[in-house]
Amino acid sequence: MSTSFSVERRASYAGYETRELVVAGNGPTILLVHGFAHASEAWRHTMDHLRAAGRAAVAVDLPGFGRADPLRPGALVPQLDMFLTEAIRQHAGPEGVVLMGNSLGAALALRASRSSDLPVAGVVALDTAGIAWKPLVSIGLGPIIAVNHLSAALGFSARLHRALVARIGPRLLYGRKSAVDPETVAELVAVATDPAETHRLLSLGARLKAELDENDDHGGVRVPMVVVQGARDLLVPVSAGRILQAANAGSRLVVLPHAGHCPQLDATAVIAQLARELAGISTETRDIS
């Protein structure tokens, strides 16, 4: 197991019990919001970089994922909005917070950054969900759910199912084979333990996608923003990043040529540096094009 210097603790936001990872440091807190079917561990290596640089950071498990309470009946995105709103308010000091989110987490971070009532100082959006999709997702998750049903009907063992997830998962998360972290893959496999649990996750994903896709206005971000897009993302095209950047004057687009859907896994040092720069507390300069 890799060594991480973050502290794990329990927390509660908007009535949802959850787990969060924390590193102490200076400057505005960098609040990290994971993507679908992930948990706060997705930011483990990013947090280690931030700790080494003396920057304060918190990564939370969203409701429905990791060690957080499940989502409740009804619309899903409003529940996540309420959760993140309270987390922002609790972690904001005099300088506010800098939000960094990936995929679903990026979509939630952007929604929060449009609110004039929240103390958000900046936002870094990594491969944002809900703007544009590649064919694998744009056709809907129905075919994928059907394949999962077929594997269950054929009597695939839980062991075989986990092996398939372990083979497919890295291709969806990473852009480079050399960046694949076995521990991160193991965490993914632990989430999709068998066809039944995978069906639950896919059904949840279909509902979240439908809710996010209802929004076609991608402007209105009122704080400094960096849009990051992995050029090798199999789920979200680079055009999504361009749409988001074009809709928000003054924002910056960074395309990482070798990154996949989770740039914090492919290019951890670069992603940590972007958060530090946006927080206005970095003294380093680095070419990341």
Protein backbone atom coordinates (compact mmCIF):
# COMPACT_ATOMS: atom_id res chain seq x y z
CA MET A 1 0.00 0.00 0.00
CA SER A 2 1.27 3.47 -0.85
CA THR A 3 2.04 5.91 1.94
CA SER A 4 -0.18 8.98 2.24
CA PHE A 5 0.15 11.78 4.74
CA SER A 6 -3.51 12.81 4.79
CA VAL A 7 -5.58 12.48 7.96
CA GLU A 8 -8.89 10.63 7.72
CA ARG A 9 -11.87 11.77 9.76
CA ARG A 10 -15.66 11.65 9.87
CA ALA A 11 -17.73 14.71 8.99
CA SER A 12 -21.34 15.68 8.33
CA TYR A 13 -22.69 18.07 5.70
CA ALA A 14 -26.36 18.82 5.00
CA GLY A 15 -27.36 15.84 7.10
CA TYR A 16 -25.12 13.33 5.29
CA GLU A 17 -22.46 11.54 7.30
CA THR A 18 -19.26 11.15 5.33
CA ARG A 19 -15.52 10.58 5.44
CA GLU A 20 -12.94 13.15 4.42
CA LEU A 21 -9.17 13.24 3.98
CA VAL A 22 -7.37 16.32 5.25
CA VAL A 23 -3.90 17.81 4.95
CA ALA A 24 -2.99 20.89 6.96
CA GLY A 25 -1.33 23.85 5.32
CA ASN A 26 -1.49 27.50 4.34
CA GLY A 27 -3.64 29.52 1.99
CA PRO A 28 -7.28 28.98 1.09
CA THR A 29 -8.38 25.38 1.52
CA ILE A 30 -8.38 23.43 -1.74
CA LEU A 31 -11.59 21.39 -1.63
CA LEU A 32 -11.38 18.29 -3.84
CA VAL A 33 -14.53 16.72 -5.28
CA HIS A 34 -14.29 13.24 -6.84
CA GLY A 35 -16.12 11.81 -9.82
CA PHE A 36 -18.76 9.13 -10.26
CA ALA A 37 -18.12 5.79 -8.52
CA HIS A 38 -14.95 7.18 -6.93
CA ALA A 39 -14.20 8.40 -3.43
CA SER A 40 -11.77 10.77 -1.75
CA GLU A 41 -8.89 8.33 -2.38
CA ALA A 42 -8.96 9.48 -6.01
CA TRP A 43 -7.13 12.59 -4.74
CA ARG A 44 -4.65 10.79 -2.50
CA HIS A 45 -1.56 11.53 -4.61
CA THR A 46 -2.70 15.08 -5.37
CA MET A 47 -3.05 15.70 -1.65
CA ASP A 48 0.45 14.38 -1.02
CA HIS A 49 1.78 16.95 -3.51
CA LEU A 50 -0.22 19.71 -1.84
CA ARG A 51 0.99 18.69 1.61
CA ALA A 52 4.60 18.73 0.42
CA ALA A 53 4.03 22.28 -0.80
CA GLY A 54 2.46 23.31 2.51
CA ARG A 55 -1.05 23.83 1.08
CA ALA A 56 -4.27 23.05 2.96
CA ALA A 57 -6.59 20.57 1.25
CA VAL A 58 -9.69 18.49 1.99
CA ALA A 59 -11.17 15.66 -0.11
CA VAL A 60 -14.70 14.51 0.72
CA ASP A 61 -16.70 11.38 -0.11
CA LEU A 62 -19.87 12.51 -1.89
CA PRO A 63 -23.18 10.99 -0.72
CA GLY A 64 -23.73 7.67 -2.45
CA PHE A 65 -20.02 6.92 -2.77
CA GLY A 66 -17.09 5.84 -0.66
CA ARG A 67 -17.91 5.85 3.05
CA ALA A 68 -20.65 8.47 2.86
CA ASP A 69 -24.34 8.00 3.54
CA PRO A 70 -26.44 6.90 0.56
CA LEU A 71 -28.36 9.35 -1.56
CA ARG A 72 -32.03 9.71 -0.70
CA PRO A 73 -35.09 9.23 -2.93
CA GLY A 74 -35.79 12.01 -5.41
CA ALA A 75 -33.60 14.13 -7.65
CA LEU A 76 -29.91 13.43 -7.09
CA VAL A 77 -28.01 16.53 -8.18
CA PRO A 78 -29.84 18.89 -5.78
CA GLN A 79 -28.82 16.61 -2.90
CA LEU A 80 -25.19 16.77 -3.99
CA ASP A 81 -25.47 20.55 -4.38
CA MET A 82 -26.68 20.91 -0.79
CA PHE A 83 -23.90 18.66 0.48
CA LEU A 84 -21.16 20.57 -1.34
CA THR A 85 -22.65 23.93 -0.35
CA GLU A 86 -22.32 23.11 3.34
CA ALA A 87 -18.84 21.62 2.89
CA ILE A 88 -17.72 24.85 1.21
CA ARG A 89 -19.13 26.99 4.01
CA GLN A 90 -17.55 24.87 6.72
CA HIS A 91 -14.09 24.85 5.12
CA ALA A 92 -13.98 28.46 3.93
CA GLY A 93 -11.69 30.75 5.85
CA PRO A 94 -11.23 34.46 5.17
CA GLU A 95 -9.93 33.63 1.68
CA GLY A 96 -12.73 31.23 0.79
CA VAL A 97 -11.99 27.88 -0.84
CA VAL A 98 -10.60 26.80 -4.17
CA LEU A 99 -12.69 24.02 -5.70
CA MET A 100 -11.18 21.27 -7.79
CA GLY A 101 -13.47 18.59 -9.21
CA ASN A 102 -13.24 15.75 -11.68
CA SER A 103 -16.10 14.63 -13.96
CA LEU A 104 -19.25 14.62 -11.80
CA GLY A 105 -17.27 16.48 -9.15
CA ALA A 106 -16.28 19.13 -11.70
CA ALA A 107 -19.92 19.62 -12.68
CA LEU A 108 -20.85 20.10 -9.01
CA ALA A 109 -17.93 22.47 -8.43
CA LEU A 110 -19.03 24.60 -11.39
CA ARG A 111 -22.59 24.74 -10.10
CA ALA A 112 -21.30 26.01 -6.75
CA SER A 113 -18.98 28.53 -8.41
CA ARG A 114 -21.97 30.19 -10.08
CA SER A 115 -23.49 31.11 -6.73
CA SER A 116 -22.78 34.61 -5.40
CA ASP A 117 -23.66 33.38 -1.90
CA LEU A 118 -20.78 30.93 -1.60
CA PRO A 119 -17.19 31.82 -0.61
CA VAL A 120 -15.53 30.23 -3.65
CA ALA A 121 -12.25 31.87 -4.69
CA GLY A 122 -11.58 29.80 -7.80
CA VAL A 123 -12.36 26.53 -9.54
CA VAL A 124 -10.38 23.92 -11.47
CA ALA A 125 -12.65 21.69 -13.56
CA LEU A 126 -11.17 18.41 -14.77
CA ASP A 127 -12.96 16.63 -17.66
CA THR A 128 -16.36 17.99 -16.69
CA ALA A 129 -19.40 15.73 -17.02
CA GLY A 130 -22.62 16.98 -18.60
CA ILE A 131 -21.35 19.29 -21.37
CA ALA A 132 -20.56 16.88 -24.21
CA TRP A 133 -19.95 13.14 -24.34
CA LYS A 134 -18.09 10.70 -26.50
CA PRO A 135 -20.20 7.94 -28.16
CA LEU A 136 -19.50 5.46 -25.38
CA VAL A 137 -21.63 7.64 -23.09
CA SER A 138 -23.77 9.73 -25.46
CA ILE A 139 -25.74 6.68 -26.62
CA GLY A 140 -26.80 6.25 -23.01
CA LEU A 141 -25.85 3.68 -20.42
CA GLY A 142 -28.63 1.29 -21.41
CA PRO A 143 -26.43 -0.93 -23.64
CA ILE A 144 -23.76 -1.12 -20.92
CA ILE A 145 -26.39 -2.05 -18.35
CA ALA A 146 -27.68 -4.72 -20.75
CA VAL A 147 -24.20 -6.23 -21.08
CA ASN A 148 -23.92 -6.29 -17.30
CA HIS A 149 -27.30 -8.06 -17.11
CA LEU A 150 -26.02 -10.60 -19.64
CA SER A 151 -22.93 -11.33 -17.56
CA ALA A 152 -25.18 -11.98 -14.57
CA ALA A 153 -27.48 -14.22 -16.63
CA LEU A 154 -24.49 -16.21 -17.87
CA GLY A 155 -23.48 -16.81 -14.28
CA PHE A 156 -20.22 -14.89 -14.28
CA SER A 157 -18.61 -15.36 -10.90
CA ALA A 158 -17.80 -12.36 -8.74
CA ARG A 159 -14.14 -13.16 -9.29
CA LEU A 160 -14.47 -13.08 -13.06
CA HIS A 161 -16.54 -9.92 -12.86
CA ARG A 162 -13.84 -8.20 -10.82
CA ALA A 163 -11.22 -9.32 -13.32
CA LEU A 164 -13.20 -7.73 -16.15
CA VAL A 165 -13.59 -4.50 -14.22
CA ALA A 166 -9.87 -4.49 -13.44
CA ARG A 167 -9.14 -4.81 -17.16
CA ILE A 168 -11.64 -2.23 -18.42
CA GLY A 169 -11.40 0.30 -15.58
CA PRO A 170 -7.87 1.60 -16.22
CA ARG A 171 -8.71 2.30 -19.85
CA LEU A 172 -11.59 4.53 -18.74
CA LEU A 173 -9.59 6.37 -16.08
CA TYR A 174 -6.09 6.75 -17.48
CA GLY A 175 -4.55 8.02 -20.69
CA ARG A 176 -1.19 6.32 -20.18
CA LYS A 177 -0.53 2.73 -19.22
CA SER A 178 2.65 3.79 -17.48
CA ALA A 179 0.60 5.94 -15.07
CA VAL A 180 -1.72 3.13 -13.92
CA ASP A 181 -1.59 2.74 -10.14
CA PRO A 182 -2.53 -0.80 -9.00
CA GLU A 183 -3.88 0.52 -5.70
CA THR A 184 -6.27 2.89 -7.47
CA VAL A 185 -7.42 0.07 -9.76
CA ALA A 186 -7.98 -2.16 -6.72
CA GLU A 187 -10.18 0.53 -5.17
CA LEU A 188 -12.24 0.64 -8.37
CA VAL A 189 -12.65 -3.13 -8.40
CA ALA A 190 -13.74 -3.02 -4.76
CA VAL A 191 -16.62 -0.72 -5.73
CA ALA A 192 -17.92 -2.95 -8.55
CA THR A 193 -17.78 -6.21 -6.63
CA ASP A 194 -20.34 -8.18 -8.67
CA PRO A 195 -22.93 -7.71 -11.45
CA ALA A 196 -25.63 -6.68 -8.96
CA GLU A 197 -23.57 -3.88 -7.43
CA THR A 198 -22.37 -2.81 -10.87
CA HIS A 199 -26.02 -2.63 -11.99
CA ARG A 200 -26.79 -0.35 -9.05
CA LEU A 201 -23.90 1.94 -9.94
CA LEU A 202 -24.76 2.03 -13.65
CA SER A 203 -28.40 2.81 -12.89
CA LEU A 204 -27.30 5.59 -10.57
CA GLY A 205 -24.95 6.87 -13.26
CA ALA A 206 -27.76 6.94 -15.83
CA ARG A 207 -29.89 9.05 -13.50
CA LEU A 208 -27.06 11.46 -12.76
CA LYS A 209 -26.21 11.79 -16.46
CA ALA A 210 -29.85 12.59 -17.29
CA GLU A 211 -29.99 15.29 -14.63
CA LEU A 212 -26.67 16.87 -15.65
CA ASP A 213 -27.62 16.81 -19.33
CA GLU A 214 -30.67 18.98 -18.61
CA ASN A 215 -28.37 22.01 -18.30
CA ASP A 216 -27.26 23.54 -21.57
CA ASP A 217 -26.05 26.87 -20.16
CA HIS A 218 -22.41 26.42 -19.26
CA GLY A 219 -21.57 30.06 -18.49
CA GLY A 220 -22.06 32.08 -15.35
CA VAL A 221 -18.93 31.00 -13.48
CA ARG A 222 -18.15 34.08 -11.39
CA VAL A 223 -14.64 33.20 -10.18
CA PRO A 224 -11.27 32.55 -11.83
CA MET A 225 -11.40 29.17 -13.54
CA VAL A 226 -9.00 26.71 -15.11
CA VAL A 227 -10.58 24.13 -17.41
CA VAL A 228 -8.54 20.94 -17.78
CA GLN A 229 -9.17 18.29 -20.40
CA GLY A 230 -7.37 15.02 -21.00
CA ALA A 231 -6.91 14.52 -24.73
CA ARG A 232 -7.14 10.72 -24.29
CA ASP A 233 -10.41 10.82 -22.33
CA LEU A 234 -12.71 8.06 -23.65
CA LEU A 235 -15.81 9.57 -22.04
CA VAL A 236 -15.64 13.36 -22.45
CA PRO A 237 -14.26 15.00 -25.63
CA VAL A 238 -11.85 17.94 -25.70
CA SER A 239 -14.67 19.96 -27.27
CA ALA A 240 -16.42 19.91 -23.88
CA GLY A 241 -13.53 21.81 -22.36
CA ARG A 242 -13.54 24.28 -25.23
CA ILE A 243 -17.29 24.88 -24.81
CA LEU A 244 -16.85 25.52 -21.10
CA GLN A 245 -13.91 27.85 -21.61
CA ALA A 246 -15.67 29.80 -24.37
CA ALA A 247 -18.76 30.26 -22.21
CA ASN A 248 -16.77 31.91 -19.40
CA ALA A 249 -14.69 34.92 -20.37
CA GLY A 250 -11.28 35.04 -18.76
CA SER A 251 -11.09 31.34 -18.03
CA ARG A 252 -8.11 29.25 -19.08
CA LEU A 253 -8.11 25.94 -20.97
CA VAL A 254 -5.34 23.39 -20.40
CA VAL A 255 -5.36 20.30 -22.65
CA LEU A 256 -3.13 17.52 -21.39
CA PRO A 257 -2.16 15.41 -24.41
CA HIS A 258 -1.44 12.18 -22.53
CA ALA A 259 -4.16 12.30 -19.85
CA GLY A 260 -7.42 10.38 -19.75
CA HIS A 261 -10.68 11.00 -17.92
CA CYS A 262 -8.97 11.53 -14.55
CA PRO A 263 -6.02 13.88 -15.10
CA GLN A 264 -5.25 13.86 -11.38
CA LEU A 265 -4.15 10.26 -11.89
CA ASP A 266 -2.17 10.79 -15.11
CA ALA A 267 -0.61 14.16 -14.32
CA THR A 268 -0.76 14.54 -10.55
CA ALA A 269 2.02 17.11 -10.19
CA VAL A 270 0.56 19.33 -12.91
CA ILE A 271 -2.93 19.18 -11.40
CA ALA A 272 -1.63 20.04 -7.93
CA GLN A 273 0.34 22.93 -9.40
CA LEU A 274 -2.75 24.31 -11.14
CA ALA A 275 -4.66 24.32 -7.86
CA ARG A 276 -1.80 26.09 -6.11
CA GLU A 277 -1.52 28.69 -8.85
CA LEU A 278 -5.23 29.40 -8.78
CA ALA A 279 -5.10 29.79 -5.03
CA GLY A 280 -2.59 32.57 -5.66
CA ILE A 281 0.01 31.10 -3.36
CA SER A 282 2.47 29.41 -5.72
CA THR A 283 5.82 30.96 -6.50
CA GLU A 284 6.76 28.40 -9.13
CA THR A 285 6.34 28.68 -12.89
CA ARG A 286 5.93 25.59 -15.04
CA ASP A 287 5.14 24.96 -18.70
CA ILE A 288 2.17 22.58 -18.75
CA SER A 289 1.05 22.84 -22.36
